PDB file of N, CA and C in Angstrom:
ATOM      1  N   MET A   1     -13.675 -24.806   6.293  1.00  0.00           N
ATOM      2  CA  MET A   1     -14.080 -23.773   5.353  1.00  0.00           C
ATOM      3  C   MET A   1     -13.487 -24.056   4.038  1.00  0.00           C
ATOM      4  N   THR A   2     -14.202 -24.086   3.005  1.00  0.00           N
ATOM      5  CA  THR A   2     -13.765 -24.354   1.679  1.00  0.00           C
ATOM      6  C   THR A   2     -13.178 -23.092   1.037  1.00  0.00           C
ATOM      7  N   LEU A   3     -12.441 -23.195  -0.068  1.00  0.00           N
ATOM      8  CA  LEU A   3     -11.774 -21.990  -0.744  1.00  0.00           C
ATOM      9  C   LEU A   3     -12.885 -21.093  -1.226  1.00  0.00           C
ATOM     10  N   LEU A   4     -13.965 -21.666  -1.663  1.00  0.00           N
ATOM     11  CA  LEU A   4     -15.051 -20.855  -2.234  1.00  0.00           C
ATOM     12  C   LEU A   4     -15.729 -20.040  -1.207  1.00  0.00           C
ATOM     13  N   GLN A   5     -15.894 -20.669   0.009  1.00  0.00           N
ATOM     14  CA  GLN A   5     -16.478 -19.805   1.047  1.00  0.00           C
ATOM     15  C   GLN A   5     -15.572 -18.742   1.513  1.00  0.00           C
ATOM     16  N   VAL A   6     -14.209 -18.927   1.499  1.00  0.00           N
ATOM     17  CA  VAL A   6     -13.321 -17.877   1.943  1.00  0.00           C
ATOM     18  C   VAL A   6     -13.336 -16.769   0.901  1.00  0.00           C
ATOM     19  N   LEU A   7     -13.482 -17.099  -0.391  1.00  0.00           N
ATOM     20  CA  LEU A   7     -13.544 -16.037  -1.306  1.00  0.00           C
ATOM     21  C   LEU A   7     -14.838 -15.303  -1.402  1.00  0.00           C
ATOM     22  N   LYS A   8     -15.875 -15.897  -0.989  1.00  0.00           N
ATOM     23  CA  LYS A   8     -17.229 -15.239  -1.032  1.00  0.00           C
ATOM     24  C   LYS A   8     -17.654 -14.630   0.302  1.00  0.00           C
ATOM     25  N   ARG A   9     -16.806 -14.668   1.373  1.00  0.00           N
ATOM     26  CA  ARG A   9     -17.277 -14.122   2.709  1.00  0.00           C
ATOM     27  C   ARG A   9     -17.373 -12.673   2.592  1.00  0.00           C
ATOM     28  N   ARG A  10     -18.228 -12.137   3.427  1.00  0.00           N
ATOM     29  CA  ARG A  10     -18.430 -10.622   3.587  1.00  0.00           C
ATOM     30  C   ARG A  10     -17.214 -10.060   4.117  1.00  0.00           C
ATOM     31  N   ALA A  11     -16.984  -8.843   3.631  1.00  0.00           N
ATOM     32  CA  ALA A  11     -15.836  -7.889   4.284  1.00  0.00           C
ATOM     33  C   ALA A  11     -16.345  -7.454   5.687  1.00  0.00           C
ATOM     34  N   LEU A  12     -15.487  -7.282   6.569  1.00  0.00           N
ATOM     35  CA  LEU A  12     -15.884  -6.722   7.910  1.00  0.00           C
ATOM     36  C   LEU A  12     -16.067  -5.274   7.787  1.00  0.00           C
ATOM     37  N   LEU A  13     -15.385  -4.542   7.002  1.00  0.00           N
ATOM     38  CA  LEU A  13     -15.597  -3.158   6.661  1.00  0.00           C
ATOM     39  C   LEU A  13     -15.765  -2.838   5.229  1.00  0.00           C
ATOM     40  N   PRO A  14     -16.663  -1.836   4.940  1.00  0.00           N
ATOM     41  CA  PRO A  14     -16.808  -1.522   3.460  1.00  0.00           C
ATOM     42  C   PRO A  14     -15.364  -1.187   2.912  1.00  0.00           C
ATOM     43  N   VAL A  15     -15.191  -1.430   1.587  1.00  0.00           N
ATOM     44  CA  VAL A  15     -13.885  -1.231   0.886  1.00  0.00           C
ATOM     45  C   VAL A  15     -13.497   0.217   1.055  1.00  0.00           C
ATOM     46  N   THR A  16     -14.409   1.200   0.957  1.00  0.00           N
ATOM     47  CA  THR A  16     -13.922   2.572   1.065  1.00  0.00           C
ATOM     48  C   THR A  16     -13.403   2.831   2.402  1.00  0.00           C
ATOM     49  N   ALA A  17     -14.120   2.369   3.408  1.00  0.00           N
ATOM     50  CA  ALA A  17     -13.676   2.690   4.815  1.00  0.00           C
ATOM     51  C   ALA A  17     -12.325   2.013   5.084  1.00  0.00           C
ATOM     52  N   SER A  18     -12.143   0.760   4.757  1.00  0.00           N
ATOM     53  CA  SER A  18     -10.834   0.159   4.983  1.00  0.00           C
ATOM     54  C   SER A  18      -9.781   0.743   4.094  1.00  0.00           C
ATOM     55  N   SER A  19     -10.101   1.247   2.956  1.00  0.00           N
ATOM     56  CA  SER A  19      -9.101   1.877   2.103  1.00  0.00           C
ATOM     57  C   SER A  19      -8.635   3.201   2.776  1.00  0.00           C
ATOM     58  N   VAL A  20      -9.572   4.004   3.328  1.00  0.00           N
ATOM     59  CA  VAL A  20      -9.225   5.203   3.868  1.00  0.00           C
ATOM     60  C   VAL A  20      -8.300   5.043   5.136  1.00  0.00           C
ATOM     61  N   LEU A  21      -8.602   3.966   5.936  1.00  0.00           N
ATOM     62  CA  LEU A  21      -7.817   3.570   7.082  1.00  0.00           C
ATOM     63  C   LEU A  21      -6.431   3.088   6.593  1.00  0.00           C
ATOM     64  N   GLY A  22      -6.408   2.393   5.505  1.00  0.00           N
ATOM     65  CA  GLY A  22      -5.155   2.039   4.908  1.00  0.00           C
ATOM     66  C   GLY A  22      -4.261   3.204   4.443  1.00  0.00           C
ATOM     67  N   PHE A  23      -4.950   4.251   3.922  1.00  0.00           N
ATOM     68  CA  PHE A  23      -4.369   5.420   3.453  1.00  0.00           C
ATOM     69  C   PHE A  23      -3.787   6.187   4.651  1.00  0.00           C
ATOM     70  N   LEU A  24      -4.535   6.284   5.790  1.00  0.00           N
ATOM     71  CA  LEU A  24      -4.001   6.928   6.909  1.00  0.00           C
ATOM     72  C   LEU A  24      -2.774   6.272   7.505  1.00  0.00           C
ATOM     73  N   GLY A  25      -2.809   4.969   7.398  1.00  0.00           N
ATOM     74  CA  GLY A  25      -1.695   4.081   7.837  1.00  0.00           C
ATOM     75  C   GLY A  25      -0.411   4.349   6.969  1.00  0.00           C
ATOM     76  N   PHE A  26      -0.704   4.488   5.669  1.00  0.00           N
ATOM     77  CA  PHE A  26       0.309   4.762   4.739  1.00  0.00           C
ATOM     78  C   PHE A  26       0.996   6.139   5.002  1.00  0.00           C
ATOM     79  N   LEU A  27       0.158   7.142   5.311  1.00  0.00           N
ATOM     80  CA  LEU A  27       0.681   8.483   5.614  1.00  0.00           C
ATOM     81  C   LEU A  27       1.560   8.535   6.868  1.00  0.00           C
ATOM     82  N   ARG A  28       1.163   7.626   7.832  1.00  0.00           N
ATOM     83  CA  ARG A  28       1.911   7.517   9.043  1.00  0.00           C
ATOM     84  C   ARG A  28       3.272   6.860   8.840  1.00  0.00           C
ATOM     85  N   LEU A  29       3.235   5.811   7.978  1.00  0.00           N
ATOM     86  CA  LEU A  29       4.508   5.126   7.588  1.00  0.00           C
ATOM     87  C   LEU A  29       5.465   6.136   6.874  1.00  0.00           C
ATOM     88  N   VAL A  30       4.893   6.855   5.964  1.00  0.00           N
ATOM     89  CA  VAL A  30       5.677   7.912   5.283  1.00  0.00           C
ATOM     90  C   VAL A  30       6.328   8.867   6.219  1.00  0.00           C
ATOM     91  N   LEU A  31       5.547   9.348   7.261  1.00  0.00           N
ATOM     92  CA  LEU A  31       6.076  10.291   8.194  1.00  0.00           C
ATOM     93  C   LEU A  31       7.121   9.658   9.041  1.00  0.00           C
ATOM     94  N   ILE A  32       6.976   8.280   9.395  1.00  0.00           N
ATOM     95  CA  ILE A  32       7.978   7.575  10.098  1.00  0.00           C
ATOM     96  C   ILE A  32       9.209   7.548   9.234  1.00  0.00           C
ATOM     97  N   GLY A  33       8.990   7.248   7.895  1.00  0.00           N
ATOM     98  CA  GLY A  33      10.253   7.149   6.980  1.00  0.00           C
ATOM     99  C   GLY A  33      11.050   8.428   6.905  1.00  0.00           C
ATOM    100  N   PHE A  34      10.348   9.538   6.948  1.00  0.00           N
ATOM    101  CA  PHE A  34      11.016  10.922   6.941  1.00  0.00           C
ATOM    102  C   PHE A  34      11.545  11.274   8.331  1.00  0.00           C
ATOM    103  N   LEU A  35      10.817  11.049   9.385  1.00  0.00           N
ATOM    104  CA  LEU A  35      11.214  11.528  10.660  1.00  0.00           C
ATOM    105  C   LEU A  35      11.886  10.420  11.641  1.00  0.00           C
ATOM    106  N   GLY A  36      11.861   9.195  11.311  1.00  0.00           N
ATOM    107  CA  GLY A  36      12.456   8.154  12.001  1.00  0.00           C
ATOM    108  C   GLY A  36      13.938   8.038  11.849  1.00  0.00           C
ATOM    109  N   SER A  37      14.446   6.908  12.434  1.00  0.00           N
ATOM    110  CA  SER A  37      15.873   6.639  12.278  1.00  0.00           C
ATOM    111  C   SER A  37      16.291   6.477  10.780  1.00  0.00           C
ATOM    112  N   ILE A  38      17.604   6.883  10.600  1.00  0.00           N
ATOM    113  CA  ILE A  38      18.034   6.735   9.165  1.00  0.00           C
ATOM    114  C   ILE A  38      18.582   5.298   8.978  1.00  0.00           C
ATOM    115  N   ASP A  39      18.716   4.587  10.009  1.00  0.00           N
ATOM    116  CA  ASP A  39      19.039   3.123   9.852  1.00  0.00           C
ATOM    117  C   ASP A  39      17.918   2.350   9.467  1.00  0.00           C
ATOM    118  N   PRO A  40      17.967   1.579   8.350  1.00  0.00           N
ATOM    119  CA  PRO A  40      16.870   0.819   7.809  1.00  0.00           C
ATOM    120  C   PRO A  40      16.394  -0.270   8.796  1.00  0.00           C
ATOM    121  N   MET A  41      17.306  -0.719   9.588  1.00  0.00           N
ATOM    122  CA  MET A  41      16.920  -1.703  10.513  1.00  0.00           C
ATOM    123  C   MET A  41      16.151  -1.386  11.754  1.00  0.00           C
ATOM    124  N   HIS A  42      16.123   0.031  11.849  1.00  0.00           N
ATOM    125  CA  HIS A  42      15.401   0.545  13.141  1.00  0.00           C
ATOM    126  C   HIS A  42      14.335   1.574  12.623  1.00  0.00           C
ATOM    127  N   ASN A  43      13.938   1.554  11.417  1.00  0.00           N
ATOM    128  CA  ASN A  43      12.876   2.349  10.957  1.00  0.00           C
ATOM    129  C   ASN A  43      11.654   1.596  10.464  1.00  0.00           C
ATOM    130  N   LEU A  44      10.540   1.795  11.005  1.00  0.00           N
ATOM    131  CA  LEU A  44       9.342   1.018  10.634  1.00  0.00           C
ATOM    132  C   LEU A  44       8.864   1.087   9.244  1.00  0.00           C
ATOM    133  N   MET A  45       9.237   2.242   8.531  1.00  0.00           N
ATOM    134  CA  MET A  45       8.870   2.320   7.118  1.00  0.00           C
ATOM    135  C   MET A  45       9.474   1.162   6.308  1.00  0.00           C
ATOM    136  N   THR A  46      10.747   0.879   6.444  1.00  0.00           N
ATOM    137  CA  THR A  46      11.414  -0.145   5.596  1.00  0.00           C
ATOM    138  C   THR A  46      10.963  -1.542   6.125  1.00  0.00           C
ATOM    139  N   LEU A  47      10.775  -1.693   7.338  1.00  0.00           N
ATOM    140  CA  LEU A  47      10.313  -3.003   7.813  1.00  0.00           C
ATOM    141  C   LEU A  47       8.960  -3.339   7.378  1.00  0.00           C
ATOM    142  N   VAL A  48       8.002  -2.393   7.494  1.00  0.00           N
ATOM    143  CA  VAL A  48       6.681  -2.636   6.948  1.00  0.00           C
ATOM    144  C   VAL A  48       6.594  -2.818   5.577  1.00  0.00           C
ATOM    145  N   PHE A  49       7.306  -2.010   4.853  1.00  0.00           N
ATOM    146  CA  PHE A  49       7.283  -2.033   3.345  1.00  0.00           C
ATOM    147  C   PHE A  49       7.949  -3.437   2.780  1.00  0.00           C
ATOM    148  N   TRP A  50       9.133  -3.574   3.177  1.00  0.00           N
ATOM    149  CA  TRP A  50       9.790  -4.763   2.519  1.00  0.00           C
ATOM    150  C   TRP A  50       9.407  -6.102   3.173  1.00  0.00           C
ATOM    151  N   SER A  51       9.048  -6.097   4.407  1.00  0.00           N
ATOM    152  CA  SER A  51       8.687  -7.417   5.050  1.00  0.00           C
ATOM    153  C   SER A  51       7.103  -7.563   4.993  1.00  0.00           C
ATOM    154  N   GLY A  52       6.347  -6.473   5.287  1.00  0.00           N
ATOM    155  CA  GLY A  52       4.941  -6.600   5.288  1.00  0.00           C
ATOM    156  C   GLY A  52       4.253  -6.624   3.911  1.00  0.00           C
ATOM    157  N   VAL A  53       4.544  -5.538   3.228  1.00  0.00           N
ATOM    158  CA  VAL A  53       3.857  -5.322   1.907  1.00  0.00           C
ATOM    159  C   VAL A  53       4.263  -6.315   0.861  1.00  0.00           C
ATOM    160  N   ARG A  54       5.610  -6.577   0.810  1.00  0.00           N
ATOM    161  CA  ARG A  54       6.123  -7.387  -0.275  1.00  0.00           C
ATOM    162  C   ARG A  54       6.252  -8.834   0.012  1.00  0.00           C
ATOM    163  N   ILE A  55       6.077  -9.229   1.371  1.00  0.00           N
ATOM    164  CA  ILE A  55       6.158 -10.724   1.725  1.00  0.00           C
ATOM    165  C   ILE A  55       4.883 -11.138   2.394  1.00  0.00           C
ATOM    166  N   ALA A  56       4.410 -10.414   3.478  1.00  0.00           N
ATOM    167  CA  ALA A  56       3.382 -10.947   4.222  1.00  0.00           C
ATOM    168  C   ALA A  56       2.026 -10.859   3.525  1.00  0.00           C
ATOM    169  N   VAL A  57       1.703  -9.703   2.908  1.00  0.00           N
ATOM    170  CA  VAL A  57       0.444  -9.625   2.216  1.00  0.00           C
ATOM    171  C   VAL A  57       0.277 -10.573   1.121  1.00  0.00           C
ATOM    172  N   PRO A  58       1.232 -10.853   0.181  1.00  0.00           N
ATOM    173  CA  PRO A  58       0.988 -11.920  -0.749  1.00  0.00           C
ATOM    174  C   PRO A  58       0.765 -13.320  -0.200  1.00  0.00           C
ATOM    175  N   LEU A  59       1.609 -13.596   0.852  1.00  0.00           N
ATOM    176  CA  LEU A  59       1.533 -14.902   1.531  1.00  0.00           C
ATOM    177  C   LEU A  59       0.187 -14.990   2.293  1.00  0.00           C
ATOM    178  N   GLY A  60      -0.273 -13.875   2.894  1.00  0.00           N
ATOM    179  CA  GLY A  60      -1.480 -13.898   3.611  1.00  0.00           C
ATOM    180  C   GLY A  60      -2.776 -13.992   2.689  1.00  0.00           C
ATOM    181  N   SER A  61      -2.592 -13.365   1.457  1.00  0.00           N
ATOM    182  CA  SER A  61      -3.593 -13.559   0.439  1.00  0.00           C
ATOM    183  C   SER A  61      -3.758 -14.925  -0.121  1.00  0.00           C
ATOM    184  N   VAL A  62      -2.615 -15.696  -0.177  1.00  0.00           N
ATOM    185  CA  VAL A  62      -2.669 -16.994  -0.531  1.00  0.00           C
ATOM    186  C   VAL A  62      -3.432 -17.861   0.470  1.00  0.00           C
ATOM    187  N   LEU A  63      -3.288 -17.594   1.788  1.00  0.00           N
ATOM    188  CA  LEU A  63      -3.831 -18.291   2.848  1.00  0.00           C
ATOM    189  C   LEU A  63      -5.224 -17.913   3.110  1.00  0.00           C
ATOM    190  N   GLY A  64      -5.547 -16.518   3.012  1.00  0.00           N
ATOM    191  CA  GLY A  64      -6.827 -16.099   3.536  1.00  0.00           C
ATOM    192  C   GLY A  64      -7.679 -15.298   2.544  1.00  0.00           C
ATOM    193  N   GLY A  65      -7.322 -15.256   1.333  1.00  0.00           N
ATOM    194  CA  GLY A  65      -8.070 -14.638   0.318  1.00  0.00           C
ATOM    195  C   GLY A  65      -7.478 -13.195  -0.037  1.00  0.00           C
ATOM    196  N   ASN A  66      -8.128 -12.377  -0.674  1.00  0.00           N
ATOM    197  CA  ASN A  66      -7.628 -11.147  -1.203  1.00  0.00           C
ATOM    198  C   ASN A  66      -7.391 -10.093  -0.099  1.00  0.00           C
ATOM    199  N   LEU A  67      -6.334 -10.097   0.574  1.00  0.00           N
ATOM    200  CA  LEU A  67      -6.030  -9.047   1.602  1.00  0.00           C
ATOM    201  C   LEU A  67      -5.806  -7.727   0.998  1.00  0.00           C
ATOM    202  N   ARG A  68      -5.162  -7.790  -0.211  1.00  0.00           N
ATOM    203  CA  ARG A  68      -4.871  -6.474  -0.867  1.00  0.00           C
ATOM    204  C   ARG A  68      -6.077  -5.595  -1.099  1.00  0.00           C
ATOM    205  N   ARG A  69      -7.107  -6.074  -1.373  1.00  0.00           N
ATOM    206  CA  ARG A  69      -8.358  -5.311  -1.522  1.00  0.00           C
ATOM    207  C   ARG A  69      -8.800  -4.648  -0.208  1.00  0.00           C
ATOM    208  N   SER A  70      -8.508  -5.289   0.833  1.00  0.00           N
ATOM    209  CA  SER A  70      -9.015  -4.770   2.207  1.00  0.00           C
ATOM    210  C   SER A  70      -8.117  -3.566   2.637  1.00  0.00           C
ATOM    211  N   ILE A  71      -6.846  -3.645   2.277  1.00  0.00           N
ATOM    212  CA  ILE A  71      -5.881  -2.639   2.713  1.00  0.00           C
ATOM    213  C   ILE A  71      -5.416  -1.681   1.730  1.00  0.00           C
ATOM    214  N   ASP A  72      -6.025  -1.757   0.526  1.00  0.00           N
ATOM    215  CA  ASP A  72      -5.561  -0.892  -0.536  1.00  0.00           C
ATOM    216  C   ASP A  72      -5.796   0.486  -0.162  1.00  0.00           C
ATOM    217  N   SER A  73      -4.810   1.316  -0.115  1.00  0.00           N
ATOM    218  CA  SER A  73      -4.949   2.729   0.379  1.00  0.00           C
ATOM    219  C   SER A  73      -5.402   3.712  -0.603  1.00  0.00           C
ATOM    220  N   TRP A  74      -5.482   3.321  -1.804  1.00  0.00           N
ATOM    221  CA  TRP A  74      -5.934   4.249  -2.814  1.00  0.00           C
ATOM    222  C   TRP A  74      -7.252   4.261  -3.292  1.00  0.00           C
ATOM    223  N   THR A  75      -7.976   3.072  -3.249  1.00  0.00           N
ATOM    224  CA  THR A  75      -9.269   2.933  -3.753  1.00  0.00           C
ATOM    225  C   THR A  75     -10.261   3.873  -3.154  1.00  0.00           C
ATOM    226  N   GLY A  76     -10.377   3.843  -1.798  1.00  0.00           N
ATOM    227  CA  GLY A  76     -11.357   4.740  -1.201  1.00  0.00           C
ATOM    228  C   GLY A  76     -10.949   6.160  -1.258  1.00  0.00           C
ATOM    229  N   THR A  77      -9.623   6.515  -1.089  1.00  0.00           N
ATOM    230  CA  THR A  77      -9.165   7.829  -1.094  1.00  0.00           C
ATOM    231  C   THR A  77      -9.492   8.498  -2.439  1.00  0.00           C
ATOM    232  N   ILE A  78      -9.212   7.739  -3.565  1.00  0.00           N
ATOM    233  CA  ILE A  78      -9.563   8.338  -4.879  1.00  0.00           C
ATOM    234  C   ILE A  78     -10.965   8.449  -4.975  1.00  0.00           C
ATOM    235  N   ARG A  79     -11.760   7.486  -4.489  1.00  0.00           N
ATOM    236  CA  ARG A  79     -13.284   7.704  -4.494  1.00  0.00           C
ATOM    237  C   ARG A  79     -13.746   8.894  -3.934  1.00  0.00           C
ATOM    238  N   LEU A  80     -13.233   9.163  -2.627  1.00  0.00           N
ATOM    239  CA  LEU A  80     -13.732  10.253  -2.003  1.00  0.00           C
ATOM    240  C   LEU A  80     -13.191  11.554  -2.620  1.00  0.00           C
ATOM    241  N   LEU A  81     -11.972  11.572  -3.149  1.00  0.00           N
ATOM    242  CA  LEU A  81     -11.420  12.727  -3.811  1.00  0.00           C
ATOM    243  C   LEU A  81     -12.298  13.008  -5.116  1.00  0.00           C
ATOM    244  N   ARG A  82     -12.655  11.985  -5.814  1.00  0.00           N
ATOM    245  CA  ARG A  82     -13.555  12.214  -7.058  1.00  0.00           C
ATOM    246  C   ARG A  82     -14.912  12.661  -6.703  1.00  0.00           C
ATOM    247  N   LEU A  83     -15.482  12.289  -5.515  1.00  0.00           N
ATOM    248  CA  LEU A  83     -16.771  12.795  -5.069  1.00  0.00           C
ATOM    249  C   LEU A  83     -16.605  14.272  -4.724  1.00  0.00           C
ATOM    250  N   LEU A  84     -15.522  14.671  -4.112  1.00  0.00           N
ATOM    251  CA  LEU A  84     -15.346  16.063  -3.783  1.00  0.00           C
ATOM    252  C   LEU A  84     -15.162  16.996  -4.998  1.00  0.00           C
ATOM    253  N   ILE A  85     -14.424  16.608  -5.996  1.00  0.00           N
ATOM    254  CA  ILE A  85     -14.132  17.381  -7.116  1.00  0.00           C
ATOM    255  C   ILE A  85     -15.095  17.045  -8.339  1.00  0.00           C
ATOM    256  N   ARG A  86     -16.023  16.073  -8.058  1.00  0.00           N
ATOM    257  CA  ARG A  86     -16.981  15.732  -9.189  1.00  0.00           C
ATOM    258  C   ARG A  86     -16.324  15.441 -10.487  1.00  0.00           C
ATOM    259  N   GLN A  87     -15.314  14.467 -10.411  1.00  0.00           N
ATOM    260  CA  GLN A  87     -14.666  14.056 -11.591  1.00  0.00           C
ATOM    261  C   GLN A  87     -14.882  12.547 -11.672  1.00  0.00           C
ATOM    262  N   THR A  88     -15.013  12.070 -12.946  1.00  0.00           N
ATOM    263  CA  THR A  88     -15.178  10.557 -13.250  1.00  0.00           C
ATOM    264  C   THR A  88     -14.042  10.209 -14.104  1.00  0.00           C
ATOM    265  N   GLY A  89     -13.858   8.893 -14.267  1.00  0.00           N
ATOM    266  CA  GLY A  89     -12.735   8.412 -15.199  1.00  0.00           C
ATOM    267  C   GLY A  89     -11.981   7.381 -14.431  1.00  0.00           C
ATOM    268  N   CYS A  90     -10.964   6.887 -14.994  1.00  0.00           N
ATOM    269  CA  CYS A  90     -10.085   5.860 -14.427  1.00  0.00           C
ATOM    270  C   CYS A  90      -8.776   6.374 -14.097  1.00  0.00           C
ATOM    271  N   ILE A  91      -8.053   5.531 -13.352  1.00  0.00           N
ATOM    272  CA  ILE A  91      -6.704   5.883 -12.880  1.00  0.00           C
ATOM    273  C   ILE A  91      -5.790   5.439 -13.929  1.00  0.00           C
ATOM    274  N   GLY A  92      -5.283   6.253 -14.729  1.00  0.00           N
ATOM    275  CA  GLY A  92      -4.403   5.955 -15.850  1.00  0.00           C
ATOM    276  C   GLY A  92      -3.022   5.715 -15.540  1.00  0.00           C
ATOM    277  N   LEU A  93      -2.519   6.267 -14.434  1.00  0.00           N
ATOM    278  CA  LEU A  93      -1.110   6.188 -14.149  1.00  0.00           C
ATOM    279  C   LEU A  93      -0.657   5.118 -13.274  1.00  0.00           C
ATOM    280  N   ALA A  94      -1.643   4.266 -12.787  1.00  0.00           N
ATOM    281  CA  ALA A  94      -1.483   3.247 -11.794  1.00  0.00           C
ATOM    282  C   ALA A  94      -0.413   2.175 -12.268  1.00  0.00           C
ATOM    283  N   CYS A  95      -0.530   1.647 -13.466  1.00  0.00           N
ATOM    284  CA  CYS A  95       0.397   0.729 -14.108  1.00  0.00           C
ATOM    285  C   CYS A  95       1.734   1.248 -14.220  1.00  0.00           C
ATOM    286  N   GLU A  96       1.816   2.545 -14.762  1.00  0.00           N
ATOM    287  CA  GLU A  96       3.027   3.255 -14.934  1.00  0.00           C
ATOM    288  C   GLU A  96       3.768   3.469 -13.699  1.00  0.00           C
ATOM    289  N   GLY A  97       3.111   3.825 -12.625  1.00  0.00           N
ATOM    290  CA  GLY A  97       3.642   4.131 -11.368  1.00  0.00           C
ATOM    291  C   GLY A  97       4.238   2.890 -10.822  1.00  0.00           C
ATOM    292  N   TYR A  98       3.507   1.732 -10.886  1.00  0.00           N
ATOM    293  CA  TYR A  98       4.010   0.443 -10.329  1.00  0.00           C
ATOM    294  C   TYR A  98       5.296  -0.062 -11.105  1.00  0.00           C
ATOM    295  N   ALA A  99       5.231   0.127 -12.409  1.00  0.00           N
ATOM    296  CA  ALA A  99       6.408  -0.146 -13.248  1.00  0.00           C
ATOM    297  C   ALA A  99       7.644   0.684 -12.859  1.00  0.00           C
ATOM    298  N   GLY A 100       7.409   2.015 -12.575  1.00  0.00           N
ATOM    299  CA  GLY A 100       8.417   2.765 -12.134  1.00  0.00           C
ATOM    300  C   GLY A 100       8.960   2.365 -10.799  1.00  0.00           C
ATOM    301  N   PHE A 101       8.059   1.938  -9.842  1.00  0.00           N
ATOM    302  CA  PHE A 101       8.673   1.647  -8.615  1.00  0.00           C
ATOM    303  C   PHE A 101       9.490   0.227  -8.673  1.00  0.00           C
ATOM    304  N   VAL A 102       8.950  -0.662  -9.624  1.00  0.00           N
ATOM    305  CA  VAL A 102       9.710  -1.902  -9.809  1.00  0.00           C
ATOM    306  C   VAL A 102      11.082  -1.538 -10.341  1.00  0.00           C
ATOM    307  N   TRP A 103      11.137  -0.632 -11.291  1.00  0.00           N
ATOM    308  CA  TRP A 103      12.422  -0.221 -11.817  1.00  0.00           C
ATOM    309  C   TRP A 103      13.349   0.379 -10.748  1.00  0.00           C
ATOM    310  N   PHE A 104      12.802   1.192  -9.841  1.00  0.00           N
ATOM    311  CA  PHE A 104      13.536   1.780  -8.736  1.00  0.00           C
ATOM    312  C   PHE A 104      14.144   0.534  -7.857  1.00  0.00           C
ATOM    313  N   GLN A 105      13.402  -0.393  -7.720  1.00  0.00           N
ATOM    314  CA  GLN A 105      13.847  -1.512  -6.798  1.00  0.00           C
ATOM    315  C   GLN A 105      14.995  -2.236  -7.492  1.00  0.00           C
ATOM    316  N   MET A 106      15.031  -2.335  -8.796  1.00  0.00           N
ATOM    317  CA  MET A 106      16.076  -3.059  -9.458  1.00  0.00           C
ATOM    318  C   MET A 106      17.359  -2.234  -9.604  1.00  0.00           C
ATOM    319  N   ILE A 107      17.262  -0.855  -9.824  1.00  0.00           N
ATOM    320  CA  ILE A 107      18.422  -0.081 -10.098  1.00  0.00           C
ATOM    321  C   ILE A 107      18.999   0.667  -8.909  1.00  0.00           C
ATOM    322  N   SER A 108      18.200   0.808  -7.869  1.00  0.00           N
ATOM    323  CA  SER A 108      18.595   1.733  -6.787  1.00  0.00           C
ATOM    324  C   SER A 108      19.714   1.120  -6.031  1.00  0.00           C
ATOM    325  N   LEU A 109      20.676   1.945  -5.700  1.00  0.00           N
ATOM    326  CA  LEU A 109      21.883   1.553  -4.800  1.00  0.00           C
ATOM    327  C   LEU A 109      21.422   1.380  -3.382  1.00  0.00           C
ATOM    328  N   SER A 110      20.387   2.023  -2.918  1.00  0.00           N
ATOM    329  CA  SER A 110      19.926   1.882  -1.552  1.00  0.00           C
ATOM    330  C   SER A 110      18.375   1.928  -1.491  1.00  0.00           C
ATOM    331  N   PRO A 111      17.784   0.771  -1.913  1.00  0.00           N
ATOM    332  CA  PRO A 111      16.358   0.740  -1.965  1.00  0.00           C
ATOM    333  C   PRO A 111      15.803   0.608  -0.494  1.00  0.00           C
ATOM    334  N   ASP A 112      16.568   0.399   0.540  1.00  0.00           N
ATOM    335  CA  ASP A 112      16.207   0.263   1.849  1.00  0.00           C
ATOM    336  C   ASP A 112      16.431   1.494   2.659  1.00  0.00           C
ATOM    337  N   ASP A 113      16.898   2.631   2.128  1.00  0.00           N
ATOM    338  CA  ASP A 113      16.978   3.904   2.768  1.00  0.00           C
ATOM    339  C   ASP A 113      15.706   4.463   3.117  1.00  0.00           C
ATOM    340  N   PRO A 114      15.310   4.651   4.435  1.00  0.00           N
ATOM    341  CA  PRO A 114      13.984   5.090   4.794  1.00  0.00           C
ATOM    342  C   PRO A 114      13.570   6.355   4.222  1.00  0.00           C
ATOM    343  N   HIS A 115      14.412   7.383   4.099  1.00  0.00           N
ATOM    344  CA  HIS A 115      14.051   8.684   3.521  1.00  0.00           C
ATOM    345  C   HIS A 115      13.715   8.490   1.973  1.00  0.00           C
ATOM    346  N   THR A 116      14.585   7.833   1.326  1.00  0.00           N
ATOM    347  CA  THR A 116      14.339   7.559  -0.166  1.00  0.00           C
ATOM    348  C   THR A 116      13.097   6.807  -0.406  1.00  0.00           C
ATOM    349  N   LEU A 117      12.807   5.722   0.423  1.00  0.00           N
ATOM    350  CA  LEU A 117      11.613   4.894   0.229  1.00  0.00           C
ATOM    351  C   LEU A 117      10.445   5.729   0.541  1.00  0.00           C
ATOM    352  N   ALA A 118      10.405   6.472   1.637  1.00  0.00           N
ATOM    353  CA  ALA A 118       9.333   7.435   1.894  1.00  0.00           C
ATOM    354  C   ALA A 118       9.014   8.380   0.796  1.00  0.00           C
ATOM    355  N   MET A 119      10.034   8.948   0.265  1.00  0.00           N
ATOM    356  CA  MET A 119       9.975   9.988  -0.818  1.00  0.00           C
ATOM    357  C   MET A 119       9.279   9.360  -2.106  1.00  0.00           C
ATOM    358  N   LEU A 120       9.812   8.150  -2.363  1.00  0.00           N
ATOM    359  CA  LEU A 120       9.216   7.409  -3.613  1.00  0.00           C
ATOM    360  C   LEU A 120       7.821   6.915  -3.353  1.00  0.00           C
ATOM    361  N   ALA A 121       7.546   6.480  -2.128  1.00  0.00           N
ATOM    362  CA  ALA A 121       6.160   6.005  -1.835  1.00  0.00           C
ATOM    363  C   ALA A 121       5.160   7.210  -1.842  1.00  0.00           C
ATOM    364  N   LEU A 122       5.673   8.444  -1.470  1.00  0.00           N
ATOM    365  CA  LEU A 122       4.843   9.529  -1.514  1.00  0.00           C
ATOM    366  C   LEU A 122       4.615  10.046  -2.964  1.00  0.00           C
ATOM    367  N   ILE A 123       5.535   9.952  -3.813  1.00  0.00           N
ATOM    368  CA  ILE A 123       5.448  10.231  -5.111  1.00  0.00           C
ATOM    369  C   ILE A 123       4.485   9.298  -5.839  1.00  0.00           C
TER     370      ILE A 123
END
């Protein structure tokens, strides 16, 4: 299979459906972050976030195409929310939120604390 074929292949699930499933997974991880063990080595929130989201997804995207699009938890959720409240427009705070999260990673004394990570992810 060539790179062009990988990039043009059809998605197994529509983007909205996979996004809503990703959002439900995200909420589950946030609950695990709040209710699970306070030890970062035994809490699934820190493991999935720091190992999965920050390492495995970019590496998997290099090997198999744009995985981020398939598991993006906000695209479908925002679409459904906009349909419910009948609002249009763009997400203006996405870049600022990402920049704030990167800032947190650099200056935090405990970026691997599950409760702190879950709170920040929820915000």
